[in-house]
N, C-alpha and C. Protein backbone atom coordinates (compact mmCIF):
# COMPACT_ATOMS: atom_id res chain seq x y z
N MET A 1 -10.19 -134.64 28.82
CA MET A 1 -9.99 -134.46 27.40
C MET A 1 -10.10 -135.31 26.43
N PRO A 2 -10.99 -135.25 25.35
CA PRO A 2 -11.23 -136.14 24.74
C PRO A 2 -9.94 -136.54 24.01
N LYS A 3 -9.67 -138.49 23.31
CA LYS A 3 -8.52 -138.49 22.56
C LYS A 3 -9.07 -137.89 21.02
N LEU A 4 -8.24 -137.96 20.42
CA LEU A 4 -8.06 -137.09 19.07
C LEU A 4 -8.32 -138.31 18.37
N LYS A 5 -8.74 -137.80 17.17
CA LYS A 5 -8.81 -138.65 16.16
C LYS A 5 -7.79 -138.87 15.21
N THR A 6 -7.50 -139.80 14.93
CA THR A 6 -6.33 -140.17 13.42
C THR A 6 -6.92 -139.60 12.29
N ASN A 7 -6.42 -138.48 11.31
CA ASN A 7 -6.82 -138.85 10.33
C ASN A 7 -6.31 -139.73 9.42
N ARG A 8 -7.17 -140.78 8.62
CA ARG A 8 -6.88 -141.89 8.93
C ARG A 8 -6.14 -142.10 7.12
N GLY A 9 -7.08 -141.21 6.04
CA GLY A 9 -6.32 -140.89 4.74
C GLY A 9 -4.63 -140.71 5.01
N ALA A 10 -4.63 -139.94 5.98
CA ALA A 10 -3.18 -139.20 6.61
C ALA A 10 -2.53 -140.47 7.13
N ALA A 11 -2.88 -141.03 7.95
CA ALA A 11 -1.96 -142.22 8.46
C ALA A 11 -1.76 -143.27 7.49
N LYS A 12 -2.29 -143.27 6.34
CA LYS A 12 -2.03 -144.21 5.60
C LYS A 12 -0.86 -144.02 4.44
N ARG A 13 -0.68 -142.37 4.09
CA ARG A 13 0.29 -142.05 3.63
C ARG A 13 1.63 -140.96 4.05
N PHE A 14 1.63 -140.75 5.05
CA PHE A 14 2.82 -140.23 6.15
C PHE A 14 3.20 -141.46 7.05
N THR A 15 4.22 -141.43 7.33
CA THR A 15 5.24 -142.07 8.84
C THR A 15 5.79 -140.84 9.85
N ARG A 16 6.15 -140.73 10.57
CA ARG A 16 6.99 -140.06 10.90
C ARG A 16 8.31 -140.83 11.36
N THR A 17 9.54 -140.26 10.96
CA THR A 17 10.77 -141.12 11.62
C THR A 17 11.16 -140.32 13.10
N PRO A 18 12.42 -141.11 13.67
CA PRO A 18 12.44 -141.28 14.87
C PRO A 18 12.70 -139.94 15.26
N SER A 19 13.51 -138.84 13.75
CA SER A 19 14.25 -137.66 14.79
C SER A 19 12.52 -136.72 14.02
N GLY A 20 11.38 -137.15 14.59
CA GLY A 20 9.87 -136.11 14.08
C GLY A 20 9.92 -135.58 12.84
N ALA A 21 10.61 -136.35 11.75
CA ALA A 21 10.39 -135.86 10.28
C ALA A 21 9.28 -136.56 10.19
N ILE A 22 8.62 -135.88 8.69
CA ILE A 22 7.47 -136.79 8.13
C ILE A 22 8.27 -137.37 6.84
N LYS A 23 7.99 -138.40 6.86
CA LYS A 23 7.94 -139.58 5.69
C LYS A 23 7.26 -139.71 4.71
N CYS A 24 7.23 -139.43 3.19
CA CYS A 24 5.81 -139.90 2.10
C CYS A 24 6.76 -140.28 1.17
N ASN A 25 5.44 -140.86 0.31
CA ASN A 25 5.73 -140.98 -0.78
C ASN A 25 6.05 -140.39 -1.80
N ALA A 26 6.52 -140.81 -3.20
CA ALA A 26 6.79 -139.67 -3.78
C ALA A 26 5.02 -139.59 -5.00
N SER A 27 4.86 -138.88 -5.96
CA SER A 27 3.91 -138.84 -6.53
C SER A 27 4.15 -138.99 -8.22
N HIS A 28 3.19 -139.24 -8.81
CA HIS A 28 3.39 -139.22 -10.31
C HIS A 28 4.62 -140.85 -10.49
N ARG A 29 3.98 -141.87 -10.03
CA ARG A 29 4.23 -143.07 -10.03
C ARG A 29 3.58 -143.96 -10.26
N ARG A 30 1.61 -143.79 -10.71
CA ARG A 30 0.92 -144.46 -11.23
C ARG A 30 0.86 -144.99 -12.55
N HIS A 31 0.42 -144.05 -13.39
CA HIS A 31 0.41 -144.34 -14.73
C HIS A 31 1.49 -143.38 -15.72
N ILE A 32 1.31 -143.44 -17.07
CA ILE A 32 1.92 -142.55 -18.08
C ILE A 32 3.61 -143.10 -17.81
N LEU A 33 3.70 -143.68 -17.43
CA LEU A 33 5.53 -144.05 -17.41
C LEU A 33 6.37 -143.94 -18.34
N THR A 34 5.32 -144.08 -19.54
CA THR A 34 6.15 -144.62 -20.79
C THR A 34 7.19 -143.51 -21.16
N LYS A 35 6.54 -142.45 -20.89
CA LYS A 35 7.00 -141.21 -21.16
C LYS A 35 8.17 -140.07 -20.43
N LYS A 36 8.15 -141.11 -19.22
CA LYS A 36 9.47 -140.62 -18.00
C LYS A 36 10.07 -141.47 -18.11
N SER A 37 11.67 -140.73 -17.94
CA SER A 37 12.83 -141.80 -18.23
C SER A 37 12.94 -142.23 -16.83
N THR A 38 13.95 -143.25 -17.30
CA THR A 38 14.44 -144.53 -16.11
C THR A 38 14.71 -143.30 -15.05
N LYS A 39 15.37 -142.52 -15.13
CA LYS A 39 16.33 -142.32 -13.80
C LYS A 39 15.47 -141.07 -13.08
N ARG A 40 14.44 -140.79 -13.71
CA ARG A 40 13.15 -140.02 -13.07
C ARG A 40 12.37 -140.88 -12.36
N LYS A 41 12.35 -142.35 -12.68
CA LYS A 41 11.22 -143.19 -12.51
C LYS A 41 11.62 -143.70 -10.66
N ARG A 42 13.43 -144.32 -11.44
CA ARG A 42 13.78 -144.51 -10.43
C ARG A 42 14.08 -143.53 -8.94
N GLN A 43 14.18 -142.55 -9.31
CA GLN A 43 14.11 -141.61 -8.46
C GLN A 43 12.95 -141.26 -7.25
N LEU A 44 11.38 -141.34 -8.11
CA LEU A 44 10.51 -141.41 -7.72
C LEU A 44 10.28 -142.57 -6.23
N ARG A 45 11.04 -143.57 -6.87
CA ARG A 45 10.68 -144.62 -5.68
C ARG A 45 10.87 -144.59 -4.43
N SER A 46 12.33 -143.89 -3.95
CA SER A 46 12.71 -143.34 -2.84
C SER A 46 11.55 -142.35 -1.76
N PRO A 47 11.52 -142.90 -0.70
CA PRO A 47 10.58 -141.53 -0.30
C PRO A 47 11.30 -140.46 0.42
N LYS A 48 10.65 -139.55 0.23
CA LYS A 48 10.65 -138.13 0.17
C LYS A 48 9.88 -137.99 2.02
N MET A 49 10.90 -136.79 1.81
CA MET A 49 10.72 -135.83 3.62
C MET A 49 9.42 -134.84 3.07
N LEU A 50 8.25 -134.76 3.98
CA LEU A 50 7.58 -133.49 3.54
C LEU A 50 8.21 -132.19 3.58
N HIS A 51 7.88 -131.46 3.37
CA HIS A 51 8.15 -130.17 3.59
C HIS A 51 7.63 -129.64 4.50
N ALA A 52 8.55 -128.57 5.05
CA ALA A 52 8.56 -128.22 6.25
C ALA A 52 7.21 -127.40 6.60
N ALA A 53 7.14 -126.63 5.37
CA ALA A 53 5.83 -125.73 5.43
C ALA A 53 4.36 -126.63 5.97
N ASP A 54 4.28 -127.94 5.58
CA ASP A 54 3.70 -128.82 5.99
C ASP A 54 3.80 -129.66 7.00
N VAL A 55 4.78 -129.65 7.70
CA VAL A 55 4.65 -130.44 8.83
C VAL A 55 3.84 -130.37 9.87
N ARG A 56 3.29 -128.84 10.20
CA ARG A 56 2.62 -129.01 11.03
C ARG A 56 1.41 -129.29 10.85
N ALA A 57 0.70 -129.08 10.10
CA ALA A 57 -0.73 -129.78 9.67
C ALA A 57 -0.78 -131.32 9.48
N ALA A 58 0.46 -132.05 9.27
CA ALA A 58 0.69 -133.33 8.86
C ALA A 58 0.68 -133.61 10.63
N LEU A 59 1.21 -133.48 11.52
CA LEU A 59 1.29 -134.02 12.46
C LEU A 59 -0.48 -133.74 13.41
N ARG A 60 -0.64 -132.58 12.94
CA ARG A 60 -2.04 -132.15 13.36
C ARG A 60 -3.14 -133.48 13.03
N MET A 61 -3.12 -134.07 12.12
CA MET A 61 -3.40 -135.02 11.43
C MET A 61 -3.21 -136.51 11.70
N ILE A 62 -2.03 -136.61 11.98
CA ILE A 62 -1.88 -137.68 13.00
C ILE A 62 -0.92 -137.71 14.29
N PRO A 63 -2.02 -137.57 15.09
CA PRO A 63 -1.02 -137.18 16.78
C PRO A 63 -0.46 -138.10 17.06
N TYR A 64 -0.55 -139.73 16.89
CA TYR A 64 -0.61 -140.16 18.02
C TYR A 64 0.46 -141.73 17.05
N CYS A 65 1.06 -141.35 15.54
CA CYS A 65 1.02 -142.68 14.69
C CYS A 65 3.02 -141.85 15.20
């Protein structure tokens, strides 16, 4: 059986934790930051865990990561 190709876009966005969960960065931090509160911007800094419904699709895209 041939090796699977990693989706490079997904590999740049997701990382797998030792427990098997998928870690990702929060969105809405790129521009139009003046109207967002300091608390909201600070909370967007921390990495988020991918929702359970999306984990299977993400694992398919990053089989070796």
